[in-house]
Protein backbone atom coordinates (compact mmCIF):
# COMPACT_ATOMS: atom_id res chain seq x y z
CA UNK A 1 0.11 -0.04 0.03
CA UNK A 2 1.28 3.32 -0.87
CA UNK A 3 2.14 6.08 1.69
CA UNK A 4 -0.71 8.25 0.10
CA UNK A 5 -3.12 5.38 0.96
CA UNK A 6 -2.01 5.26 4.59
CA UNK A 7 -2.33 9.07 4.80
CA UNK A 8 -6.11 8.62 3.52
CA UNK A 9 -6.67 5.98 6.11
CA UNK A 10 -5.11 7.95 8.85
CA UNK A 11 -7.52 10.96 8.05
CA UNK A 12 -10.49 8.76 7.83
CA UNK A 13 -9.88 7.28 11.20
CA UNK A 14 -9.24 10.68 12.74
CA UNK A 15 -12.44 11.98 11.47
CA UNK A 16 -14.16 9.10 12.77
CA UNK A 17 -12.56 9.57 16.26
CA UNK A 18 -13.89 13.35 15.96
CA UNK A 19 -17.44 12.61 15.06
CA UNK A 20 -18.19 9.42 16.66
CA UNK A 21 -15.92 8.51 19.57
CA UNK A 22 -15.50 12.13 21.08
CA UNK A 23 -18.17 12.77 23.56
CA UNK A 24 -18.88 15.98 25.39
CA UNK A 25 -20.56 16.11 29.01
CA UNK A 26 -23.16 18.46 27.59
CA UNK A 27 -24.47 15.72 24.98
CA UNK A 28 -24.16 12.63 27.15
CA UNK A 29 -24.06 11.63 30.88
CA UNK A 30 -20.26 11.29 32.10
CA UNK A 31 -19.80 10.21 35.63
CA UNK A 32 -16.69 11.23 37.40
CA UNK A 33 -14.73 8.17 39.11
CA UNK A 34 -13.61 10.24 41.90
CA UNK A 35 -16.92 11.66 43.13
CA UNK A 36 -19.32 9.08 41.43
CA UNK A 37 -21.05 12.31 40.44
CA UNK A 38 -22.27 13.30 37.02
CA UNK A 39 -19.93 15.98 35.40
CA UNK A 40 -21.72 18.75 33.87
CA UNK A 41 -18.59 19.89 31.81
CA UNK A 42 -15.73 18.21 30.27
CA UNK A 43 -15.40 15.39 27.56
CA UNK A 44 -14.41 11.62 27.16
CA UNK A 45 -13.63 9.27 24.16
CA UNK A 46 -15.86 6.17 23.62
CA UNK A 47 -13.61 4.10 21.51
CA UNK A 48 -15.97 1.10 21.57
CA UNK A 49 -18.10 2.75 18.91
CA UNK A 50 -15.02 2.35 16.65
CA UNK A 51 -13.24 -0.65 17.84
CA UNK A 52 -16.28 -2.63 17.35
CA UNK A 53 -16.77 -1.93 13.78
CA UNK A 54 -15.16 -4.09 11.18
CA UNK A 55 -14.18 -1.11 8.92
CA UNK A 56 -12.68 0.86 11.60
CA UNK A 57 -10.78 -2.13 13.07
CA UNK A 58 -9.34 -2.83 9.62
CA UNK A 59 -8.00 0.75 9.40
CA UNK A 60 -6.23 0.49 12.79
CA UNK A 61 -4.84 -2.69 11.91
CA UNK A 62 -3.56 -1.14 8.70
CA UNK A 63 -1.95 1.68 10.34
CA UNK A 64 -0.25 -0.69 13.00
CA UNK A 65 1.40 -2.85 10.29
CA UNK A 66 2.54 0.15 8.36
CA UNK A 67 4.72 0.82 11.30
CA UNK A 68 5.54 -2.74 12.33
CA UNK A 69 5.68 -5.08 9.24
CA UNK A 70 9.42 -5.06 9.28
CA UNK A 71 9.99 -6.59 12.70
CA UNK A 72 6.78 -8.67 12.78
CA UNK A 73 6.03 -8.49 16.56
CA UNK A 74 3.33 -10.33 18.50
CA UNK A 75 0.68 -8.21 20.10
CA UNK A 76 -0.94 -8.36 23.59
CA UNK A 77 -3.04 -6.34 25.74
CA UNK A 78 -5.08 -6.03 28.74
CA UNK A 79 -8.78 -7.11 28.73
CA UNK A 80 -11.31 -5.91 27.55
CA UNK A 81 -10.57 -2.72 25.33
CA UNK A 82 -7.56 -4.27 23.54
CA UNK A 83 -9.04 -7.53 22.59
CA UNK A 84 -10.60 -6.15 19.38
CA UNK A 85 -7.67 -4.34 18.35
CA UNK A 86 -5.42 -7.49 19.04
CA UNK A 87 -7.75 -9.60 16.85
CA UNK A 88 -7.76 -7.30 13.94
CA UNK A 89 -4.05 -6.97 14.06
CA UNK A 90 -3.22 -10.50 14.24
CA UNK A 91 -6.03 -11.25 11.58
CA UNK A 92 -4.75 -8.75 9.08
CA UNK A 93 -1.18 -9.91 9.95
CA UNK A 94 -2.07 -13.57 9.25
CA UNK A 95 -3.82 -12.60 5.92
CA UNK A 96 -1.05 -10.23 4.38
CA UNK A 97 2.31 -10.67 5.99
CA UNK A 98 2.95 -13.92 8.30
CA UNK A 99 0.64 -16.89 8.63
CA UNK A 100 2.18 -17.74 12.10
CA UNK A 101 1.10 -14.22 13.59
CA UNK A 102 -0.07 -14.70 17.38
CA UNK A 103 -1.38 -12.39 20.02
CA UNK A 104 -2.62 -12.96 23.62
CA UNK A 105 -4.34 -11.00 26.23
CA UNK A 106 -3.82 -10.34 30.01
CA UNK A 107 -6.46 -10.49 32.45
CA UNK A 108 -7.19 -7.78 34.78
CA UNK A 109 -6.96 -10.26 37.49
CA UNK A 110 -6.20 -14.17 37.44
CA UNK A 111 -9.13 -16.23 36.51
CA UNK A 112 -10.12 -18.19 39.92
CA UNK A 113 -11.49 -21.39 38.47
CA UNK A 114 -10.89 -23.90 35.55
CA UNK A 115 -7.31 -23.19 34.24
CA UNK A 116 -6.85 -20.03 36.60
CA UNK A 117 -4.59 -18.49 33.95
CA UNK A 118 -3.41 -14.76 33.95
CA UNK A 119 -2.60 -14.79 30.33
CA UNK A 120 -4.82 -16.15 27.55
CA UNK A 121 -3.07 -17.32 24.36
CA UNK A 122 0.59 -17.92 23.77
CA UNK A 123 3.44 -15.78 24.34
CA UNK A 124 6.35 -16.53 22.05
CA UNK A 125 9.78 -15.97 23.43
CA UNK A 126 11.13 -15.62 19.87
CA UNK A 127 9.28 -12.48 18.80
CA UNK A 128 9.27 -8.83 19.99
CA UNK A 129 6.11 -7.93 22.11
CA UNK A 130 3.91 -4.85 21.44
CA UNK A 131 1.29 -4.15 23.94
CA UNK A 132 -1.61 -2.39 22.42
CA UNK A 133 -4.67 -0.23 23.79
CA UNK A 134 -7.17 2.27 22.57
CA UNK A 135 -6.25 4.95 24.86
CA UNK A 136 -3.01 5.78 26.95
CA UNK A 137 -3.52 8.30 29.66
CA UNK A 138 -1.49 7.67 32.88
CA UNK A 139 0.05 4.60 31.48
CA UNK A 140 -0.79 2.47 34.67
CA UNK A 141 -2.66 -0.23 32.58
CA UNK A 142 0.48 -0.74 30.81
CA UNK A 143 2.62 -0.85 33.60
CA UNK A 144 0.68 -3.73 35.11
CA UNK A 145 0.96 -5.75 31.92
CA UNK A 146 4.72 -5.20 31.78
CA UNK A 147 5.06 -6.26 35.49
CA UNK A 148 3.06 -9.42 34.82
CA UNK A 149 5.10 -10.30 31.63
CA UNK A 150 8.50 -9.39 33.35
CA UNK A 151 7.68 -11.74 36.19
CA UNK A 152 7.14 -14.49 33.79
CA UNK A 153 10.50 -13.70 32.02
CA UNK A 154 9.21 -11.78 28.95
CA UNK A 155 10.38 -8.19 28.03
CA UNK A 156 8.19 -5.78 26.10
CA UNK A 157 9.65 -3.80 23.12
CA UNK A 158 6.83 -1.07 22.72
CA UNK A 159 3.50 0.19 24.08
CA UNK A 160 1.10 1.26 21.37
CA UNK A 161 -2.12 3.04 21.55
CA UNK A 162 -4.54 4.72 19.18
CA UNK A 163 -4.56 7.94 21.20
CA UNK A 164 -2.31 9.21 23.85
CA UNK A 165 -3.40 12.01 26.29
CA UNK A 166 -0.05 13.07 27.61
CA UNK A 167 3.38 14.31 26.47
CA UNK A 168 6.08 11.63 25.81
CA UNK A 169 8.33 13.01 28.46
CA UNK A 170 5.59 12.09 31.09
CA UNK A 171 6.24 8.28 30.71
CA UNK A 172 9.51 8.12 32.38
CA UNK A 173 8.87 4.44 33.61
CA UNK A 174 8.84 3.31 29.98
CA UNK A 175 11.79 5.29 29.09
CA UNK A 176 13.88 4.05 31.86
CA UNK A 177 13.06 0.46 30.88
CA UNK A 178 13.94 1.03 27.47
CA UNK A 179 10.26 0.68 26.11
CA UNK A 180 9.15 2.73 23.36
CA UNK A 181 5.84 4.70 23.73
CA UNK A 182 4.00 5.07 20.39
CA UNK A 183 0.54 6.24 19.43
CA UNK A 184 -1.21 6.93 16.24
CA UNK A 185 -2.74 10.24 17.52
CA UNK A 186 -2.28 12.38 20.65
CA UNK A 187 -4.55 15.06 22.08
CA UNK A 188 -2.46 17.73 20.27
CA UNK A 189 -3.83 16.31 16.98
CA UNK A 190 -7.41 17.24 17.89
CA UNK A 191 -6.64 20.69 19.39
CA UNK A 192 -7.87 22.67 16.53
CA UNK A 193 -11.00 20.42 15.79
CA UNK A 194 -12.05 19.55 19.45
CA UNK A 195 -10.33 21.82 21.62
CA UNK A 196 -9.16 19.12 24.11
CA UNK A 197 -5.66 19.97 25.01
CA UNK A 198 -5.84 20.01 28.82
CA UNK A 199 -2.96 21.61 30.90
CA UNK A 200 -3.44 19.14 33.68
CA UNK A 201 -2.34 16.28 31.38
CA UNK A 202 0.62 18.15 30.34
CA UNK A 203 2.09 19.07 33.57
CA UNK A 204 1.35 16.18 35.82
CA UNK A 205 4.11 14.40 37.78
CA UNK A 206 6.01 11.97 35.55
CA UNK A 207 4.87 8.36 35.82
CA UNK A 208 7.39 6.63 37.91
CA UNK A 209 7.48 3.78 40.45
CA UNK A 210 9.85 4.88 43.34
CA UNK A 211 10.01 1.34 44.81
CA UNK A 212 12.82 -1.52 44.65
CA UNK A 213 11.90 -5.00 45.04
CA UNK A 214 14.39 -6.30 47.46
CA UNK A 215 13.12 -10.05 47.79
CA UNK A 216 10.06 -12.16 47.09
CA UNK A 217 8.55 -14.91 48.87
CA UNK A 218 6.18 -17.36 47.52
CA UNK A 219 4.35 -20.22 49.50
CA UNK A 220 3.51 -23.33 47.65
CA UNK A 221 0.10 -24.29 46.45
CA UNK A 222 -1.75 -20.96 46.73
CA UNK A 223 -5.70 -21.07 46.24
CA UNK A 224 -6.66 -18.54 43.48
CA UNK A 225 -10.34 -19.54 44.10
CA UNK A 226 -10.88 -17.55 47.26
CA UNK A 227 -10.63 -13.78 46.42
CA UNK A 228 -10.98 -12.61 49.85
CA UNK A 229 -8.88 -10.92 52.75
CA UNK A 230 -6.74 -13.66 53.76
CA UNK A 231 -3.77 -13.30 56.37
CA UNK A 232 -2.21 -9.93 57.10
CA UNK A 233 1.37 -10.14 57.75
CA UNK A 234 2.72 -9.37 61.22
CA UNK A 235 6.19 -7.99 61.77
CA UNK A 236 8.64 -7.56 64.80
CA UNK A 237 12.11 -6.25 64.57
CA UNK A 238 13.60 -9.16 62.64
CA UNK A 239 11.09 -11.42 61.38
CA UNK A 240 7.77 -11.39 59.24
CA UNK A 241 4.99 -13.82 60.11
CA UNK A 242 2.25 -15.09 57.72
CA UNK A 243 -0.11 -18.03 57.04
CA UNK A 244 -0.78 -19.62 53.74
CA UNK A 245 -3.61 -21.53 51.83
CA UNK A 246 -1.82 -24.89 52.01
CA UNK A 247 -1.76 -24.65 56.10
CA UNK A 248 1.77 -23.77 56.52
CA UNK A 249 2.67 -20.84 58.77
CA UNK A 250 5.83 -19.14 57.90
CA UNK A 251 8.32 -17.04 59.97
CA UNK A 252 10.70 -15.22 57.40
CA UNK A 253 13.77 -13.29 57.98
CA UNK A 254 13.16 -9.69 57.14
CA UNK A 255 16.78 -9.20 55.61
CA UNK A 256 16.32 -11.61 52.70
CA UNK A 257 12.96 -13.46 52.81
CA UNK A 258 14.66 -16.79 53.93
CA UNK A 259 12.72 -18.93 56.16
CA UNK A 260 13.49 -18.89 59.79
CA UNK A 261 11.00 -21.64 60.62
CA UNK A 262 7.67 -22.93 59.57
CA UNK A 263 4.87 -24.90 61.22
CA UNK A 264 2.04 -27.25 59.40
CA UNK A 265 -1.45 -27.19 60.99
CA UNK A 266 -4.01 -29.95 60.94
CA UNK A 267 -6.49 -31.09 58.27
CA UNK A 268 -8.57 -28.14 56.59
CA UNK A 269 -10.69 -27.70 53.44
CA UNK A 270 -8.55 -27.55 50.49
CA UNK A 271 -7.39 -23.96 49.63
CA UNK A 272 -8.45 -22.76 53.14
CA UNK A 273 -5.47 -23.39 55.40
CA UNK A 274 -4.80 -20.14 57.39
CA UNK A 275 -6.82 -16.99 56.56
CA UNK A 276 -6.24 -15.64 60.18
CA UNK A 277 -3.80 -12.87 60.67
CA UNK A 278 -1.46 -13.17 63.37
CA UNK A 279 -0.89 -11.32 66.67
CA UNK A 280 2.37 -10.93 68.40
CA UNK A 281 2.79 -10.75 72.10
CA UNK A 282 5.56 -11.65 74.66
CA UNK A 283 7.64 -13.78 72.13
CA UNK A 284 4.63 -15.71 71.03
CA UNK A 285 2.72 -15.69 67.59
CA UNK A 286 -1.06 -16.32 67.84
CA UNK A 287 -3.17 -17.28 64.99
CA UNK A 288 -6.29 -19.37 64.02
CA UNK A 289 -6.51 -21.91 61.27
CA UNK A 290 -9.27 -23.83 59.21
CA UNK A 291 -8.60 -27.14 61.12
CA UNK A 292 -10.37 -25.26 63.94
CA UNK A 293 -7.75 -24.71 66.07
CA UNK A 294 -5.99 -21.42 67.70
CA UNK A 295 -2.19 -21.61 67.84
CA UNK A 296 0.35 -19.98 70.14
CA UNK A 297 3.95 -20.64 68.77
CA UNK A 298 7.41 -19.42 69.90
CA UNK A 299 8.61 -16.61 67.72
CA UNK A 300 12.21 -17.70 68.01
CA UNK A 301 11.85 -21.25 67.45
CA UNK A 302 8.29 -22.11 65.87
CA UNK A 303 7.91 -24.64 68.93
CA UNK A 304 4.13 -25.16 69.98
CA UNK A 305 3.23 -23.37 73.36
CA UNK A 306 -0.37 -24.39 73.24
CA UNK A 307 -3.26 -25.31 70.99
CA UNK A 308 -6.97 -24.56 71.60
CA UNK A 309 -9.52 -26.95 70.02
CA UNK A 310 -12.65 -24.76 70.45
CA UNK A 311 -13.97 -24.77 66.99
CA UNK A 312 -14.43 -26.58 63.44
CA UNK A 313 -13.06 -23.61 61.55
CA UNK A 314 -11.28 -20.34 62.63
CA UNK A 315 -10.97 -17.67 59.90
CA UNK A 316 -11.21 -14.98 62.25
CA UNK A 317 -7.96 -13.05 63.54
CA UNK A 318 -7.01 -12.96 67.20
CA UNK A 319 -6.77 -9.73 69.16
CA UNK A 320 -4.96 -9.52 72.64
CA UNK A 321 -5.70 -7.83 75.76
CA UNK A 322 -2.29 -7.60 77.18
CA UNK A 323 -3.42 -5.89 80.47
CA UNK A 324 -6.01 -8.73 81.01
CA UNK A 325 -3.73 -11.61 79.53
CA UNK A 326 -6.56 -12.66 77.23
CA UNK A 327 -6.90 -13.49 73.57
CA UNK A 328 -10.25 -12.98 71.82
CA UNK A 329 -10.98 -14.80 68.57
CA UNK A 330 -14.14 -15.49 66.33
CA UNK A 331 -15.17 -19.32 66.07
CA UNK A 332 -17.12 -21.06 63.33
CA UNK A 333 -19.07 -24.30 63.81
CA UNK A 334 -20.92 -26.97 61.57
CA UNK A 335 -23.91 -27.28 63.70
CA UNK A 336 -27.40 -25.66 62.87
CA UNK A 337 -28.06 -22.64 65.41
CA UNK A 338 -24.52 -22.75 66.68
CA UNK A 339 -22.72 -21.63 63.56
CA UNK A 340 -20.31 -19.03 65.30
CA UNK A 341 -19.20 -17.24 68.37
CA UNK A 342 -16.27 -15.55 70.10
CA UNK A 343 -14.18 -17.08 72.84
CA UNK A 344 -11.70 -15.55 75.15
CA UNK A 345 -8.63 -17.59 75.92
CA UNK A 346 -5.86 -17.23 78.65
CA UNK A 347 -3.04 -15.92 76.50
CA UNK A 348 -0.53 -17.95 78.63
CA UNK A 349 -2.19 -21.29 78.65
CA UNK A 350 -5.14 -21.39 76.03
CA UNK A 351 -7.45 -22.18 78.55
CA UNK A 352 -11.10 -20.89 78.06
CA UNK A 353 -12.03 -18.10 80.26
CA UNK A 354 -15.57 -17.29 78.54
CA UNK A 355 -17.27 -17.72 75.27
CA UNK A 356 -20.51 -16.55 73.77
CA UNK A 357 -22.41 -18.49 70.92
CA UNK A 358 -23.84 -16.73 67.96
CA UNK A 359 -26.31 -18.39 65.31
CA UNK A 360 -24.29 -17.60 62.10
CA UNK A 361 -20.70 -18.12 61.03
CA UNK A 362 -18.21 -15.51 62.54
CA UNK A 363 -15.65 -14.64 60.31
CA UNK A 364 -15.34 -11.22 61.58
CA UNK A 365 -12.32 -10.54 63.93
CA UNK A 366 -12.70 -8.71 67.25
CA UNK A 367 -11.33 -5.51 68.32
CA UNK A 368 -10.17 -4.99 72.08
CA UNK A 369 -10.87 -1.53 73.46
CA UNK A 370 -8.04 -0.94 76.01
CA UNK A 371 -9.78 2.17 77.56
CA UNK A 372 -12.81 0.48 78.39
CA UNK A 373 -11.84 -3.18 78.78
CA UNK A 374 -14.41 -4.01 76.30
CA UNK A 375 -14.28 -6.27 72.87
CA UNK A 376 -16.58 -5.94 69.87
CA UNK A 377 -16.98 -8.44 67.09
CA UNK A 378 -19.35 -9.00 64.21
CA UNK A 379 -21.01 -12.03 62.67
CA UNK A 380 -22.71 -13.08 59.64
CA UNK A 381 -26.11 -12.24 61.30
CA UNK A 382 -25.24 -8.72 60.57
CA UNK A 383 -24.95 -7.89 64.24
CA UNK A 384 -22.27 -6.31 66.22
CA UNK A 385 -21.61 -7.43 69.74
CA UNK A 386 -19.90 -5.46 72.67
CA UNK A 387 -18.84 -7.47 75.60
CA UNK A 388 -17.18 -6.96 78.93
CA UNK A 389 -13.87 -8.26 77.96
CA UNK A 390 -13.08 -9.82 81.46
CA UNK A 391 -16.23 -11.89 81.81
CA UNK A 392 -18.16 -11.84 78.67
CA UNK A 393 -21.29 -10.18 79.82
CA UNK A 394 -23.11 -8.72 76.73
CA UNK A 395 -23.35 -5.06 77.14
CA UNK A 396 -25.21 -4.21 73.84
CA UNK A 397 -25.78 -5.58 70.27
CA UNK A 398 -26.54 -3.50 67.00
CA UNK A 399 -28.43 -5.17 64.09
CA UNK A 400 -27.67 -4.04 60.66
CA UNK A 401 -30.34 -6.06 58.92
CA UNK A 402 -33.03 -8.70 59.28
CA UNK A 403 -32.20 -12.49 58.79
CA UNK A 404 -34.58 -15.05 57.29
CA UNK A 405 -34.77 -18.64 58.04
CA UNK A 406 -32.92 -19.71 54.83
CA UNK A 407 -29.82 -17.52 55.58
CA UNK A 408 -30.00 -18.82 59.21
CA UNK A 409 -29.57 -22.28 57.79
CA UNK A 410 -26.80 -21.71 55.55
CA UNK A 411 -24.76 -19.44 57.86
CA UNK A 412 -24.50 -16.35 55.55
CA UNK A 413 -26.82 -13.34 55.15
CA UNK A 414 -27.03 -10.29 53.00
CA UNK A 415 -25.45 -8.18 55.65
CA UNK A 416 -22.56 -10.07 56.99
CA UNK A 417 -20.13 -8.34 58.96
CA UNK A 418 -16.88 -9.81 57.52
CA UNK A 419 -14.00 -7.94 58.93
CA UNK A 420 -13.05 -5.99 62.03
CA UNK A 421 -13.90 -2.53 63.64
CA UNK A 422 -12.06 0.81 64.34
CA UNK A 423 -12.36 2.74 67.44
CA UNK A 424 -12.30 6.51 67.62
CA UNK A 425 -11.06 7.34 71.04
CA UNK A 426 -11.52 11.06 70.81
CA UNK A 427 -15.24 10.91 70.21
CA UNK A 428 -15.90 7.34 71.50
CA UNK A 429 -17.10 6.16 68.15
CA UNK A 430 -17.16 2.50 66.99
CA UNK A 431 -17.00 2.09 63.19
CA UNK A 432 -17.52 -0.91 60.99
CA UNK A 433 -18.88 -1.85 57.54
CA UNK A 434 -21.23 -4.75 56.29
CA UNK A 435 -21.50 -6.41 52.84
CA UNK A 436 -24.38 -4.54 51.91
CA UNK A 437 -22.20 -1.41 51.54
CA UNK A 438 -22.99 0.24 54.80
CA UNK A 439 -20.53 1.90 56.94
CA UNK A 440 -21.77 2.42 60.41
CA UNK A 441 -20.56 4.96 63.08
CA UNK A 442 -22.01 3.98 66.63
CA UNK A 443 -21.82 5.70 70.12
CA UNK A 444 -19.78 3.11 72.12
CA UNK A 445 -21.51 3.83 75.27
CA UNK A 446 -25.05 3.25 74.08
CA UNK A 447 -24.56 1.27 70.69
CA UNK A 448 -26.85 3.96 69.06
CA UNK A 449 -26.23 4.89 65.48
CA UNK A 450 -24.44 8.24 65.26
CA UNK A 451 -24.31 8.19 61.26
CA UNK A 452 -23.99 5.75 58.29
CA UNK A 453 -22.62 6.20 54.85
CA UNK A 454 -23.59 3.99 51.90
CA UNK A 455 -21.23 2.63 49.28
CA UNK A 456 -22.16 0.97 46.03
CA UNK A 457 -21.07 -2.50 47.16
CA UNK A 458 -19.87 -4.08 50.26
CA UNK A 459 -17.20 -3.37 52.98
CA UNK A 460 -14.81 -6.50 53.21
CA UNK A 461 -12.25 -4.62 55.00
CA UNK A 462 -11.64 -2.93 58.39
CA UNK A 463 -11.92 0.87 58.43
CA UNK A 464 -8.77 2.93 59.90
CA UNK A 465 -9.04 5.99 61.90
CA UNK A 466 -6.10 8.67 61.49
CA UNK A 467 -6.06 12.33 62.26
CA UNK A 468 -9.83 12.84 62.82
CA UNK A 469 -10.88 10.91 59.68
CA UNK A 470 -11.82 7.52 59.09
CA UNK A 471 -10.81 5.55 55.75
CA UNK A 472 -12.70 2.64 54.50
CA UNK A 473 -12.13 0.59 51.40
CA UNK A 474 -15.04 -1.05 49.60
CA UNK A 475 -15.46 -3.77 46.83
CA UNK A 476 -17.12 -0.86 44.99
CA UNK A 477 -13.64 0.00 43.83
CA UNK A 478 -13.14 3.13 46.06
CA UNK A 479 -11.59 4.29 49.38
CA UNK A 480 -13.91 6.65 51.18
CA UNK A 481 -12.51 9.27 53.58
CA UNK A 482 -14.89 10.54 56.25
CA UNK A 483 -14.29 13.54 58.43
CA UNK A 484 -15.34 12.35 61.98
CA UNK A 485 -15.96 16.15 63.22
CA UNK A 486 -18.58 16.97 60.57
CA UNK A 487 -19.72 13.11 59.74
CA UNK A 488 -19.38 14.11 56.01
CA UNK A 489 -17.37 12.42 53.14
CA UNK A 490 -14.12 14.22 52.60
CA UNK A 491 -13.10 12.65 49.43
CA UNK A 492 -13.18 9.20 47.58
CA UNK A 493 -10.44 7.50 45.66
CA UNK A 494 -11.14 5.20 42.50
CA UNK A 495 -9.06 2.05 42.67
CA UNK A 496 -9.87 0.69 39.24
CA UNK A 497 -10.99 -2.79 40.82
CA UNK A 498 -12.53 -4.15 43.76
CA UNK A 499 -10.75 -3.45 47.15
CA UNK A 500 -10.67 -6.08 49.91
CA UNK A 501 -7.41 -4.65 51.45
CA UNK A 502 -7.69 -2.62 54.64
CA UNK A 503 -6.25 0.88 54.56
CA UNK A 504 -3.41 1.66 56.88
CA UNK A 505 -1.27 4.73 57.63
CA UNK A 506 2.60 4.59 57.03
CA UNK A 507 4.86 7.69 57.53
CA UNK A 508 2.05 10.18 57.20
CA UNK A 509 0.25 8.66 53.98
CA UNK A 510 -2.61 6.29 53.61
CA UNK A 511 -1.58 2.94 51.65
CA UNK A 512 -4.04 0.53 50.11
CA UNK A 513 -4.00 -2.48 47.77
CA UNK A 514 -6.46 -3.41 45.17
CA UNK A 515 -7.59 -6.35 42.97
CA UNK A 516 -5.53 -4.73 40.13
CA UNK A 517 -2.32 -5.82 41.90
CA UNK A 518 -1.54 -1.96 42.71
CA UNK A 519 -0.28 -0.79 45.96
CA UNK A 520 -1.15 2.98 46.19
CA UNK A 521 0.17 5.87 48.59
CA UNK A 522 -2.58 8.53 49.06
CA UNK A 523 -2.55 11.74 50.63
CA UNK A 524 -4.88 11.56 53.67
CA UNK A 525 -6.09 15.03 53.37
CA UNK A 526 -7.13 15.09 49.44
CA UNK A 527 -6.89 11.37 48.52
CA UNK A 528 -4.36 12.39 45.57
CA UNK A 529 -2.07 9.73 44.61
CA UNK A 530 1.54 10.13 45.95
CA UNK A 531 3.12 6.96 44.66
CA UNK A 532 2.27 3.39 43.53
CA UNK A 533 3.63 0.02 42.69
CA UNK A 534 2.19 -2.73 40.76
CA UNK A 535 2.29 -6.54 41.36
CA UNK A 536 0.89 -9.42 38.91
CA UNK A 537 -1.56 -10.73 41.74
CA UNK A 538 -4.22 -9.04 43.50
CA UNK A 539 -3.51 -7.49 46.92
CA UNK A 540 -6.25 -8.37 49.16
CA UNK A 541 -4.63 -7.63 52.50
CA UNK A 542 -2.90 -4.86 54.41
CA UNK A 543 0.73 -4.02 53.84
CA UNK A 544 3.10 -4.15 56.64
CA UNK A 545 5.84 -1.79 57.37
CA UNK A 546 9.06 -1.76 59.50
CA UNK A 547 9.93 1.81 60.69
CA UNK A 548 13.16 1.11 61.49
CA UNK A 549 14.40 -0.42 58.27
CA UNK A 550 11.87 1.39 56.33
CA UNK A 551 10.99 -1.85 54.35
CA UNK A 552 7.42 -2.39 53.12
CA UNK A 553 6.15 -5.75 53.20
CA UNK A 554 3.39 -6.48 50.55
CA UNK A 555 1.11 -9.65 50.57
CA UNK A 556 -0.87 -10.96 47.49
CA UNK A 557 -3.54 -13.26 47.59
CA UNK A 558 -1.42 -15.75 45.93
CA UNK A 559 0.54 -16.07 49.25
CA UNK A 560 3.50 -14.11 48.09
CA UNK A 561 5.38 -11.46 50.02
CA UNK A 562 7.13 -8.64 48.39
CA UNK A 563 9.91 -6.72 50.19
CA UNK A 564 10.01 -3.21 48.93
CA UNK A 565 12.16 -0.18 49.57
CA UNK A 566 11.21 3.13 48.62
CA UNK A 567 13.77 5.25 46.66
CA UNK A 568 15.04 8.55 47.71
CA UNK A 569 13.16 11.37 45.61
């Protein structure tokens, strides 16, 4: 095809983008991700109106091969926007250039059944890789794909898009890796016709990842089926402690990720070994397991100090009242009308001090309130229970919904309380969420509701109180910040995928993981991103941090631990 013909195709595609893909807020409803509100001004590009048309796909593929027919690359991308583009490129390449043309796509998160693959299709080590997409804005979608491929031993030659939003010098991450950034168009090409050049895109901070991976640990036989919060790692000065799906509890040396010791628990359902997050106290690590036991192990040797056999399963995480020498943990049973409960154990011997039975499974983890010597826990009946921590007397309970007979039988309801609680000492508030997507703020003394906030999907995480605000992450893909003085939403941050990880504060920033495999550092006041790191697997648990060594320990749902160090900027 002559250069004149390619110029004609280029012009036709540009006109189609202007007339069919470009959308103004005054013409169609556009919702802002950051506020979930309708934008009254601004614009967007709806590339599906073009990339789902055969004639436009043919033009896109022709322009691609005009650039790459000499090197014959393989093409890949992330679902779903890139899939029709990949298909058009490899089909035209097969018909006109090379009959062995191939492509692949990368899932946003690993498939959790059947073959459980992250990459669909075959990656050829002998061909250069070009990743494609319709739009390149921040470049973070491409970053994740590169991290996945590099983890598997592949390197990327080029990232290619139809439309690029930012100037080339913004994409420092790619330049540092020697990856070319190529696009058919940039926003500047549409300034005269659409007026879309936007200063915020031209002067934003350059895309970089200021973290270095020092080591990685991976436990054997992870379960990809359970996409839930599993085990939050716990750390002391020298070791990091974490459980695994296979039922092995690990103590790792923080210096290099090597195994200090390990302990295997008893028989448990396949893929559900240890979801309970450990607690540390007095040279002992405490955790529950799905063999139904609660364990106390010596942190130095891994030797067993005691084992409690109170339940059929324990997915709850223990909390310790050091001033009472008591450990509290939720329990699960296989009995109708006795599905769950809470137990208080002597932290020195494991002997039961008191217990309370609940009608439904208790996955929730208790919170001990030292100031009042009380403990609170939730259950799958959607109820929060506050107890006298010394003797187990029930002080009050707060119901977040009503339970029908069917839910009672199966042990799950539409208002499960899955995780733990936050306590605001200054205002004496107790804060928690349920899977209906309700965030509750209660008066600790009375159990009465102070305020509620509705998310678009459930809370599978523990809220975090910091600097007169509470931060809560939801499976609706957002982190919410609520001002505890005004009881109004201050900001929300869009994470791009469901969030099961619990937020935490590190060195004056809020850190959160998401199902995109991204760990993000947020400004606590504004919700603006300060930094990020991307990993191949989902992050469903809270990051740990050692302030002495300034090392981050990032868990993934695939039973991996990444040790990171932040570069000086």
